[in-house]
Structures are given as C-alpha cells and as structure tokens.
Amino acid sequence: MKTGKFQKSWLRWSLLILAGLLLLVLAKDLLEATLEGYSFYWYESLLFGSFWVLFIPLLLLNGWIAYNKKPRLYLVYALLFTLLHLLLFASAVKVLSSVFLEDTFGIVDVLRGSGPENGVIALFVYGLGNFFFKIYREHRSKKVLYSAEHSSIRVSKAGRHIVLSPKSILCVRSESPYIALITHDGTYLHTASLQSFLEKHALPQFIRIHKSSIVNTDFVKSYLSRGNGDYDVTLEDGSELRLSRNYAKEFLKRMG
C-alpha cells in the first residue's frame, strides 16, 4: 500500500517537474525571440527543450549508481553522463524532427550547434548532482551505522528474555529455520536469515565468510589458509569457522 502511494506521488511530482521545465523552456525561447526580433516556433522550442527533460531520467539513474554502486571516480561518471546526455539529446532531436517537421536536424548538426554550451551545462549539473549524491550516501551510511550500533536483539532461552548487543556477537550461523547468535555467554536462536541480519545490523565488523556463517572481525584471533582458496578462521573463544574462497577476498581486505 505504501509502495503504491509512493509510486503515485513520484509520478505526480515527475509530471509536475516535466510540465514546469517545458513551460520555462517556452517562456525563455519566447522572450529571446521577442528581444532579438525573430519568429518564435513553439514546436522547435519544445523539440530542443528535450535537452532539459532528459535530466529527469538521467539524474535518477546517475543518483541510483552513485548511491548503490559507490563509484569512486565521481567526475568520470559526470563526464560519462554528460556524453550520454548529449548523444541522447541529438538522437531525440533527429528522430522527432524527421517525424513531425519538414526539415530533419542531423545528429552532427545538433552537436555542432548546441553541443559545447549544452555540454558545459550538463557537466555542471551532473558534477553537482554527484557531489550531493555522495554527501547523501555518506549521511545515510552514518545514520545506518549509528542505528546498527545502538540497536539491540531480543532473544529468549529457557523462558528467559535476553537483550543482546550486536557488538557482543562473535559469529552468526545458519540453523534453519533460525540463525544461531554465538556470544561469550552462550548461543541463542533468533528468527531471521543471515542476509536480513546483515541488513538490519550493518556494523562494519560483520562480514559473510560462508553461505552459512557471518563473523565479527573484532573477535577473529587468526586465520590459516588450506591451500585451496579456503581458510580456517579461529575466534577468541577457540571456535573455528570455514572461510569459503568465494568470500575470502573481501575478508582478507577487511582484515588488512
């Protein structure tokens, strides 16, 4: 229900922004035509105004990549999206003009005529957008980390209700249909999956080392290679866990 309302709200705001952009483009071109003393053609104004309309989907895509993929080279992404924007704009002008107008605007002609000016505008917009996406992602990461650090896990054992701090958990194992939370004080079953546990308690020290286990790197005492890509991980309490080769790269990177 909430998802449906969100989608309707997003669609409504997108249409309002689109309509506002088109009105601004028409007003700008009409004003220029009046001041410069040349004829105003609303259909050509809308045609070339598609440059501004393209910012809506491309900024959303750029934001998704910047937030979810965590690109390090934000300037490179800004350049790539600028080039993509210019090519899509020139292609749209060519296709639409060939369908609705008597004269067709070629891609090269469009790029030669408005490419430099539009390129500077697009680079500025995507550069600024990536800057804000980066700040927003860092803010969200800090918020999620703060929430994870101050969260608690309620479990029960032998009728006794216990509140665990995620930081006290040495490792987590899959015990279908539960997960087992191992601490210095004992093992507690909890209704969740390994993936949902990682998502809810997104502490940097929690890392997946096997399809059936998560380890808290703060409690890792040592790890020894088996010679086949797998490792044996020993925790402070003396227990051992298998580190699968599929997760070894990230684990070794995290351990430094």
C-alpha atoms as a PDB file:
ATOM      1  CA  MET A   1       0.000   0.000   0.000  1.00  0.00           C
ATOM      2  CA  LYS A   2       2.789   2.396   0.935  1.00  0.00           C
ATOM      3  CA  THR A   3       4.703   1.435  -2.204  1.00  0.00           C
ATOM      4  CA  GLY A   4       1.687   2.262  -4.390  1.00  0.00           C
ATOM      5  CA  LYS A   5       1.280   5.669  -2.732  1.00  0.00           C
ATOM      6  CA  PHE A   6       4.990   6.365  -3.151  1.00  0.00           C
ATOM      7  CA  GLN A   7       4.871   5.470  -6.851  1.00  0.00           C
ATOM      8  CA  LYS A   8       1.827   7.700  -7.421  1.00  0.00           C
ATOM      9  CA  SER A   9       3.488  10.557  -5.562  1.00  0.00           C
ATOM     10  CA  TRP A  10       6.721  10.095  -7.522  1.00  0.00           C
ATOM     11  CA  LEU A  11       4.813  10.038 -10.810  1.00  0.00           C
ATOM     12  CA  ARG A  12       2.844  13.150  -9.880  1.00  0.00           C
ATOM     13  CA  TRP A  13       5.971  15.104  -8.951  1.00  0.00           C
ATOM     14  CA  SER A  14       7.773  13.936 -12.095  1.00  0.00           C
ATOM     15  CA  LEU A  15       4.909  15.158 -14.285  1.00  0.00           C
ATOM     16  CA  LEU A  16       4.814  18.495 -12.450  1.00  0.00           C
ATOM     17  CA  ILE A  17       8.568  18.957 -12.897  1.00  0.00           C
ATOM     18  CA  LEU A  18       8.302  17.989 -16.566  1.00  0.00           C
ATOM     19  CA  ALA A  19       5.470  20.462 -17.162  1.00  0.00           C
ATOM     20  CA  GLY A  20       7.384  23.177 -15.312  1.00  0.00           C
ATOM     21  CA  LEU A  21      10.516  22.580 -17.378  1.00  0.00           C
ATOM     22  CA  LEU A  22       8.599  22.744 -20.646  1.00  0.00           C
ATOM     23  CA  LEU A  23       6.870  25.986 -19.621  1.00  0.00           C
ATOM     24  CA  LEU A  24      10.212  27.515 -18.646  1.00  0.00           C
ATOM     25  CA  VAL A  25      11.739  26.491 -21.986  1.00  0.00           C
ATOM     26  CA  LEU A  26       8.830  28.001 -23.919  1.00  0.00           C
ATOM     27  CA  ALA A  27       8.962  31.214 -21.883  1.00  0.00           C
ATOM     28  CA  LYS A  28      12.736  31.510 -22.320  1.00  0.00           C
ATOM     29  CA  ASP A  29      12.633  30.987 -26.097  1.00  0.00           C
ATOM     30  CA  LEU A  30       9.660  33.320 -26.500  1.00  0.00           C
ATOM     31  CA  LEU A  31      11.479  36.042 -24.570  1.00  0.00           C
ATOM     32  CA  GLU A  32      14.640  35.592 -26.632  1.00  0.00           C
ATOM     33  CA  ALA A  33      12.666  35.700 -29.879  1.00  0.00           C
ATOM     34  CA  THR A  34      10.906  38.881 -28.780  1.00  0.00           C
ATOM     35  CA  LEU A  35      14.115  40.620 -27.721  1.00  0.00           C
ATOM     36  CA  GLU A  36      16.099  39.525 -30.776  1.00  0.00           C
ATOM     37  CA  GLY A  37      13.263  40.164 -33.204  1.00  0.00           C
ATOM     38  CA  TYR A  38      12.935  36.757 -34.860  1.00  0.00           C
ATOM     39  CA  SER A  39       9.996  34.372 -35.260  1.00  0.00           C
ATOM     40  CA  PHE A  40       9.048  32.054 -32.445  1.00  0.00           C
ATOM     41  CA  TYR A  41       8.131  28.441 -33.275  1.00  0.00           C
ATOM     42  CA  TRP A  42       6.784  26.623 -30.264  1.00  0.00           C
ATOM     43  CA  TYR A  43       7.342  23.155 -31.746  1.00  0.00           C
ATOM     44  CA  GLU A  44      11.045  23.835 -32.308  1.00  0.00           C
ATOM     45  CA  SER A  45      11.248  25.254 -28.810  1.00  0.00           C
ATOM     46  CA  LEU A  46       9.772  22.062 -27.380  1.00  0.00           C
ATOM     47  CA  LEU A  47      11.989  19.945 -29.630  1.00  0.00           C
ATOM     48  CA  PHE A  48      15.218  21.491 -28.376  1.00  0.00           C
ATOM     49  CA  GLY A  49      13.758  21.786 -24.902  1.00  0.00           C
ATOM     50  CA  SER A  50      14.004  17.996 -24.683  1.00  0.00           C
ATOM     51  CA  PHE A  51      17.590  18.655 -23.571  1.00  0.00           C
ATOM     52  CA  TRP A  52      16.237  19.729 -20.175  1.00  0.00           C
ATOM     53  CA  VAL A  53      13.651  16.951 -19.986  1.00  0.00           C
ATOM     54  CA  LEU A  54      16.406  14.321 -20.262  1.00  0.00           C
ATOM     55  CA  PHE A  55      17.822  15.458 -16.944  1.00  0.00           C
ATOM     56  CA  ILE A  56      14.901  13.810 -15.106  1.00  0.00           C
ATOM     57  CA  PRO A  57      15.581  10.140 -16.030  1.00  0.00           C
ATOM     58  CA  LEU A  58      19.354  10.511 -16.311  1.00  0.00           C
ATOM     59  CA  LEU A  59      19.763  12.214 -12.942  1.00  0.00           C
ATOM     60  CA  LEU A  60      17.655   9.468 -11.361  1.00  0.00           C
ATOM     61  CA  LEU A  61      19.871   6.820 -12.987  1.00  0.00           C
ATOM     62  CA  ASN A  62      23.020   8.718 -12.013  1.00  0.00           C
ATOM     63  CA  GLY A  63      21.753   9.017  -8.444  1.00  0.00           C
ATOM     64  CA  TRP A  64      20.990   5.293  -8.258  1.00  0.00           C
ATOM     65  CA  ILE A  65      24.504   4.416  -9.435  1.00  0.00           C
ATOM     66  CA  ALA A  66      26.165   6.954  -7.135  1.00  0.00           C
ATOM     67  CA  TYR A  67      24.175   5.696  -4.139  1.00  0.00           C
ATOM     68  CA  ASN A  68      24.172   1.931  -4.719  1.00  0.00           C
ATOM     69  CA  LYS A  69      27.388   1.297  -6.620  1.00  0.00           C
ATOM     70  CA  LYS A  70      29.510   3.758  -4.618  1.00  0.00           C
ATOM     71  CA  PRO A  71      31.662   4.910  -7.545  1.00  0.00           C
ATOM     72  CA  ARG A  72      34.992   6.394  -6.515  1.00  0.00           C
ATOM     73  CA  LEU A  73      35.516   8.479  -9.622  1.00  0.00           C
ATOM     74  CA  TYR A  74      32.507  10.779  -9.455  1.00  0.00           C
ATOM     75  CA  LEU A  75      33.994  13.148 -12.059  1.00  0.00           C
ATOM     76  CA  VAL A  76      34.313  10.282 -14.542  1.00  0.00           C
ATOM     77  CA  TYR A  77      30.636   9.436 -14.003  1.00  0.00           C
ATOM     78  CA  ALA A  78      29.737  13.081 -14.553  1.00  0.00           C
ATOM     79  CA  LEU A  79      31.655  13.066 -17.853  1.00  0.00           C
ATOM     80  CA  LEU A  80      30.064   9.793 -18.968  1.00  0.00           C
ATOM     81  CA  PHE A  81      26.552  11.008 -18.206  1.00  0.00           C
ATOM     82  CA  THR A  82      27.273  14.302 -19.959  1.00  0.00           C
ATOM     83  CA  LEU A  83      28.301  12.459 -23.141  1.00  0.00           C
ATOM     84  CA  LEU A  84      25.300  10.131 -22.860  1.00  0.00           C
ATOM     85  CA  HIS A  85      23.002  13.116 -22.374  1.00  0.00           C
ATOM     86  CA  LEU A  86      24.333  14.941 -25.450  1.00  0.00           C
ATOM     87  CA  LEU A  87      24.064  11.839 -27.643  1.00  0.00           C
ATOM     88  CA  LEU A  88      20.528  11.039 -26.492  1.00  0.00           C
ATOM     89  CA  PHE A  89      19.505  14.675 -26.999  1.00  0.00           C
ATOM     90  CA  ALA A  90      20.922  14.843 -30.523  1.00  0.00           C
ATOM     91  CA  SER A  91      19.331  11.495 -31.402  1.00  0.00           C
ATOM     92  CA  ALA A  92      15.951  12.578 -29.999  1.00  0.00           C
ATOM     93  CA  VAL A  93      16.048  15.815 -31.997  1.00  0.00           C
ATOM     94  CA  LYS A  94      16.853  13.920 -35.191  1.00  0.00           C
ATOM     95  CA  VAL A  95      14.102  11.327 -34.715  1.00  0.00           C
ATOM     96  CA  LEU A  96      11.415  13.792 -33.627  1.00  0.00           C
ATOM     97  CA  SER A  97      12.226  16.326 -36.324  1.00  0.00           C
ATOM     98  CA  SER A  98      12.092  13.617 -39.012  1.00  0.00           C
ATOM     99  CA  VAL A  99       8.639  12.572 -37.773  1.00  0.00           C
ATOM    100  CA  PHE A 100       6.987  15.927 -37.053  1.00  0.00           C
ATOM    101  CA  LEU A 101       8.893  18.538 -39.084  1.00  0.00           C
ATOM    102  CA  GLU A 102       9.583  19.038 -42.753  1.00  0.00           C
ATOM    103  CA  ASP A 103      13.301  19.591 -42.153  1.00  0.00           C
ATOM    104  CA  THR A 104      15.306  16.980 -40.284  1.00  0.00           C
ATOM    105  CA  PHE A 105      18.048  18.027 -37.896  1.00  0.00           C
ATOM    106  CA  GLY A 106      21.114  15.785 -38.164  1.00  0.00           C
ATOM    107  CA  ILE A 107      22.901  14.472 -35.073  1.00  0.00           C
ATOM    108  CA  VAL A 108      26.190  16.109 -36.062  1.00  0.00           C
ATOM    109  CA  ASP A 109      24.451  19.424 -36.754  1.00  0.00           C
ATOM    110  CA  VAL A 110      22.789  19.391 -33.345  1.00  0.00           C
ATOM    111  CA  LEU A 111      26.035  18.553 -31.568  1.00  0.00           C
ATOM    112  CA  ARG A 112      27.945  21.189 -33.523  1.00  0.00           C
ATOM    113  CA  GLY A 113      25.325  23.862 -32.918  1.00  0.00           C
ATOM    114  CA  SER A 114      24.473  23.369 -29.251  1.00  0.00           C
ATOM    115  CA  GLY A 115      26.931  20.734 -28.061  1.00  0.00           C
ATOM    116  CA  PRO A 116      29.554  22.976 -26.407  1.00  0.00           C
ATOM    117  CA  GLU A 117      27.043  25.094 -24.475  1.00  0.00           C
ATOM    118  CA  ASN A 118      24.867  22.130 -23.517  1.00  0.00           C
ATOM    119  CA  GLY A 119      27.959  20.118 -22.623  1.00  0.00           C
ATOM    120  CA  VAL A 120      29.066  22.704 -20.068  1.00  0.00           C
ATOM    121  CA  ILE A 121      25.555  22.839 -18.583  1.00  0.00           C
ATOM    122  CA  ALA A 122      25.251  19.042 -18.399  1.00  0.00           C
ATOM    123  CA  LEU A 123      28.721  18.630 -16.871  1.00  0.00           C
ATOM    124  CA  PHE A 124      27.886  21.206 -14.220  1.00  0.00           C
ATOM    125  CA  VAL A 125      24.531  19.580 -13.401  1.00  0.00           C
ATOM    126  CA  TYR A 126      25.899  16.010 -13.206  1.00  0.00           C
ATOM    127  CA  GLY A 127      29.003  17.134 -11.333  1.00  0.00           C
ATOM    128  CA  LEU A 128      26.882  18.973  -8.778  1.00  0.00           C
ATOM    129  CA  GLY A 129      24.427  16.071  -8.677  1.00  0.00           C
ATOM    130  CA  ASN A 130      27.188  13.560  -7.954  1.00  0.00           C
ATOM    131  CA  PHE A 131      28.520  15.819  -5.202  1.00  0.00           C
ATOM    132  CA  PHE A 132      25.121  15.852  -3.473  1.00  0.00           C
ATOM    133  CA  PHE A 133      24.554  12.124  -4.103  1.00  0.00           C
ATOM    134  CA  LYS A 134      27.921  11.445  -2.441  1.00  0.00           C
ATOM    135  CA  ILE A 135      27.041  13.595   0.580  1.00  0.00           C
ATOM    136  CA  TYR A 136      23.610  11.952   0.855  1.00  0.00           C
ATOM    137  CA  ARG A 137      25.109   8.433   0.663  1.00  0.00           C
ATOM    138  CA  GLU A 138      27.673   9.253   3.371  1.00  0.00           C
ATOM    139  CA  HIS A 139      24.939  10.761   5.543  1.00  0.00           C
ATOM    140  CA  ARG A 140      22.751   7.690   5.103  1.00  0.00           C
ATOM    141  CA  SER A 141      25.695   5.366   5.826  1.00  0.00           C
ATOM    142  CA  LYS A 142      26.437   7.196   9.079  1.00  0.00           C
ATOM    143  CA  LYS A 143      22.764   7.070  10.015  1.00  0.00           C
ATOM    144  CA  VAL A 144      22.552   3.332   9.302  1.00  0.00           C
ATOM    145  CA  LEU A 145      25.790   2.715  11.226  1.00  0.00           C
ATOM    146  CA  TYR A 146      24.538   4.736  14.203  1.00  0.00           C
ATOM    147  CA  SER A 147      21.266   2.798  14.146  1.00  0.00           C
ATOM    148  CA  ALA A 148      23.136  -0.516  13.965  1.00  0.00           C
ATOM    149  CA  GLU A 149      25.475   0.426  16.808  1.00  0.00           C
ATOM    150  CA  HIS A 150      22.586   1.395  19.062  1.00  0.00           C
ATOM    151  CA  SER A 151      20.256  -1.425  18.109  1.00  0.00           C
ATOM    152  CA  SER A 152      19.602  -4.483  20.224  1.00  0.00           C
ATOM    153  CA  ILE A 153      18.484  -8.047  19.598  1.00  0.00           C
ATOM    154  CA  ARG A 154      15.856  -9.640  21.799  1.00  0.00           C
ATOM    155  CA  VAL A 155      16.160 -13.395  22.200  1.00  0.00           C
ATOM    156  CA  SER A 156      14.834 -15.950  24.651  1.00  0.00           C
ATOM    157  CA  LYS A 157      16.417 -19.039  26.176  1.00  0.00           C
ATOM    158  CA  ALA A 158      14.807 -21.430  28.645  1.00  0.00           C
ATOM    159  CA  GLY A 159      11.950 -18.975  29.086  1.00  0.00           C
ATOM    160  CA  ARG A 160      14.280 -16.111  29.927  1.00  0.00           C
ATOM    161  CA  HIS A 161      14.181 -12.990  27.753  1.00  0.00           C
ATOM    162  CA  ILE A 162      17.622 -11.593  26.944  1.00  0.00           C
ATOM    163  CA  VAL A 163      18.714  -8.408  25.190  1.00  0.00           C
ATOM    164  CA  LEU A 164      21.912  -8.762  23.164  1.00  0.00           C
ATOM    165  CA  SER A 165      24.126  -6.040  21.792  1.00  0.00           C
ATOM    166  CA  PRO A 166      25.198  -6.804  18.193  1.00  0.00           C
ATOM    167  CA  LYS A 167      28.773  -5.907  19.188  1.00  0.00           C
ATOM    168  CA  SER A 168      28.838  -8.823  21.635  1.00  0.00           C
ATOM    169  CA  ILE A 169      28.149 -11.418  18.928  1.00  0.00           C
ATOM    170  CA  LEU A 170      31.209 -13.426  17.888  1.00  0.00           C
ATOM    171  CA  CYS A 171      29.611 -15.026  14.866  1.00  0.00           C
ATOM    172  CA  VAL A 172      26.275 -15.975  13.352  1.00  0.00           C
ATOM    173  CA  ARG A 173      25.487 -19.401  11.895  1.00  0.00           C
ATOM    174  CA  SER A 174      22.556 -20.630   9.904  1.00  0.00           C
ATOM    175  CA  GLU A 175      20.432 -23.087  11.858  1.00  0.00           C
ATOM    176  CA  SER A 176      17.418 -23.369   9.541  1.00  0.00           C
ATOM    177  CA  PRO A 177      14.789 -22.081  10.062  1.00  0.00           C
ATOM    178  CA  TYR A 178      16.681 -19.903  12.566  1.00  0.00           C
ATOM    179  CA  ILE A 179      20.092 -18.331  12.918  1.00  0.00           C
ATOM    180  CA  ALA A 180      22.364 -19.014  15.878  1.00  0.00           C
ATOM    181  CA  LEU A 181      23.911 -15.985  17.597  1.00  0.00           C
ATOM    182  CA  ILE A 182      27.128 -17.047  19.321  1.00  0.00           C
ATOM    183  CA  THR A 183      28.423 -14.912  22.189  1.00  0.00           C
ATOM    184  CA  HIS A 184      30.888 -15.464  25.067  1.00  0.00           C
ATOM    185  CA  ASP A 185      27.877 -16.175  27.286  1.00  0.00           C
ATOM    186  CA  GLY A 186      26.236 -18.782  25.069  1.00  0.00           C
ATOM    187  CA  THR A 187      24.359 -19.499  21.877  1.00  0.00           C
ATOM    188  CA  TYR A 188      20.922 -18.060  21.157  1.00  0.00           C
ATOM    189  CA  LEU A 189      18.494 -18.915  18.371  1.00  0.00           C
ATOM    190  CA  HIS A 190      16.912 -15.998  16.561  1.00  0.00           C
ATOM    191  CA  THR A 191      14.182 -15.855  13.915  1.00  0.00           C
ATOM    192  CA  ALA A 192      15.877 -14.260  10.912  1.00  0.00           C
ATOM    193  CA  SER A 193      18.045 -15.050   7.914  1.00  0.00           C
ATOM    194  CA  LEU A 194      21.741 -14.274   7.555  1.00  0.00           C
ATOM    195  CA  GLN A 195      21.013 -11.684   4.891  1.00  0.00           C
ATOM    196  CA  SER A 196      18.338  -9.895   6.915  1.00  0.00           C
ATOM    197  CA  PHE A 197      20.678  -9.901   9.917  1.00  0.00           C
ATOM    198  CA  LEU A 198      23.407  -8.176   7.881  1.00  0.00           C
ATOM    199  CA  GLU A 199      20.954  -5.635   6.520  1.00  0.00           C
ATOM    200  CA  LYS A 200      19.467  -4.770   9.911  1.00  0.00           C
ATOM    201  CA  HIS A 201      22.732  -4.789  11.860  1.00  0.00           C
ATOM    202  CA  ALA A 202      25.063  -3.221   9.297  1.00  0.00           C
ATOM    203  CA  LEU A 203      28.128  -2.929  11.502  1.00  0.00           C
ATOM    204  CA  PRO A 204      31.405  -2.821   9.533  1.00  0.00           C
ATOM    205  CA  GLN A 205      32.859  -5.686  11.602  1.00  0.00           C
ATOM    206  CA  PHE A 206      30.188  -8.134  10.440  1.00  0.00           C
ATOM    207  CA  ILE A 207      31.168  -9.941   7.260  1.00  0.00           C
ATOM    208  CA  ARG A 208      29.891 -13.017   5.448  1.00  0.00           C
ATOM    209  CA  ILE A 209      32.560 -15.726   5.261  1.00  0.00           C
ATOM    210  CA  HIS A 210      30.429 -18.645   4.109  1.00  0.00           C
ATOM    211  CA  LYS A 211      26.941 -19.213   2.768  1.00  0.00           C
ATOM    212  CA  SER A 212      26.015 -20.390   6.255  1.00  0.00           C
ATOM    213  CA  SER A 213      28.003 -18.072   8.530  1.00  0.00           C
ATOM    214  CA  ILE A 214      28.880 -14.476   9.419  1.00  0.00           C
ATOM    215  CA  VAL A 215      31.811 -13.480  11.590  1.00  0.00           C
ATOM    216  CA  ASN A 216      32.542 -10.463  13.767  1.00  0.00           C
ATOM    217  CA  THR A 217      36.080  -9.436  12.752  1.00  0.00           C
ATOM    218  CA  ASP A 218      36.667  -7.876  16.187  1.00  0.00           C
ATOM    219  CA  PHE A 219      36.807 -11.404  17.613  1.00  0.00           C
ATOM    220  CA  VAL A 220      38.969 -13.043  14.934  1.00  0.00           C
ATOM    221  CA  LYS A 221      42.147 -14.403  16.552  1.00  0.00           C
ATOM    222  CA  SER A 222      43.784 -15.950  13.483  1.00  0.00           C
ATOM    223  CA  TYR A 223      43.135 -17.441  10.068  1.00  0.00           C
ATOM    224  CA  LEU A 224      45.067 -20.134   8.210  1.00  0.00           C
ATOM    225  CA  SER A 225      44.978 -20.996   4.508  1.00  0.00           C
ATOM    226  CA  ARG A 226      44.035 -24.509   3.489  1.00  0.00           C
ATOM    227  CA  GLY A 227      45.963 -24.138   0.226  1.00  0.00           C
ATOM    228  CA  ASN A 228      42.861 -24.440  -1.949  1.00  0.00           C
ATOM    229  CA  GLY A 229      41.462 -20.931  -1.537  1.00  0.00           C
ATOM    230  CA  ASP A 230      39.603 -21.729   1.686  1.00  0.00           C
ATOM    231  CA  TYR A 231      40.720 -20.664   5.161  1.00  0.00           C
ATOM    232  CA  ASP A 232      40.181 -21.798   8.747  1.00  0.00           C
ATOM    233  CA  VAL A 233      39.189 -18.845  10.929  1.00  0.00           C
ATOM    234  CA  THR A 234      39.782 -19.104  14.668  1.00  0.00           C
ATOM    235  CA  LEU A 235      37.850 -16.868  17.069  1.00  0.00           C
ATOM    236  CA  GLU A 236      38.851 -15.654  20.525  1.00  0.00           C
ATOM    237  CA  ASP A 237      36.747 -18.339  22.216  1.00  0.00           C
ATOM    238  CA  GLY A 238      38.653 -21.047  20.337  1.00  0.00           C
ATOM    239  CA  SER A 239      35.885 -21.958  17.889  1.00  0.00           C
ATOM    240  CA  GLU A 240      36.747 -22.423  14.218  1.00  0.00           C
ATOM    241  CA  LEU A 241      34.805 -21.446  11.126  1.00  0.00           C
ATOM    242  CA  ARG A 242      35.339 -22.179   7.462  1.00  0.00           C
ATOM    243  CA  LEU A 243      36.108 -19.174   5.237  1.00  0.00           C
ATOM    244  CA  SER A 244      34.941 -20.019   1.727  1.00  0.00           C
ATOM    245  CA  ARG A 245      37.093 -18.963  -1.230  1.00  0.00           C
ATOM    246  CA  ASN A 246      34.063 -17.078  -2.573  1.00  0.00           C
ATOM    247  CA  TYR A 247      34.218 -14.699   0.401  1.00  0.00           C
ATOM    248  CA  ALA A 248      37.976 -14.781   1.043  1.00  0.00           C
ATOM    249  CA  LYS A 249      38.889 -11.676  -0.982  1.00  0.00           C
ATOM    250  CA  GLU A 250      36.564  -9.353   0.913  1.00  0.00           C
ATOM    251  CA  PHE A 251      37.500 -10.914   4.261  1.00  0.00           C
ATOM    252  CA  LEU A 252      41.251 -10.509   3.682  1.00  0.00           C
ATOM    253  CA  LYS A 253      40.695  -6.939   2.508  1.00  0.00           C
ATOM    254  CA  ARG A 254      38.671  -6.165   5.622  1.00  0.00           C
ATOM    255  CA  MET A 255      41.296  -7.716   7.898  1.00  0.00           C
ATOM    256  CA  GLY A 256      44.028  -5.657   6.231  1.00  0.00           C
END
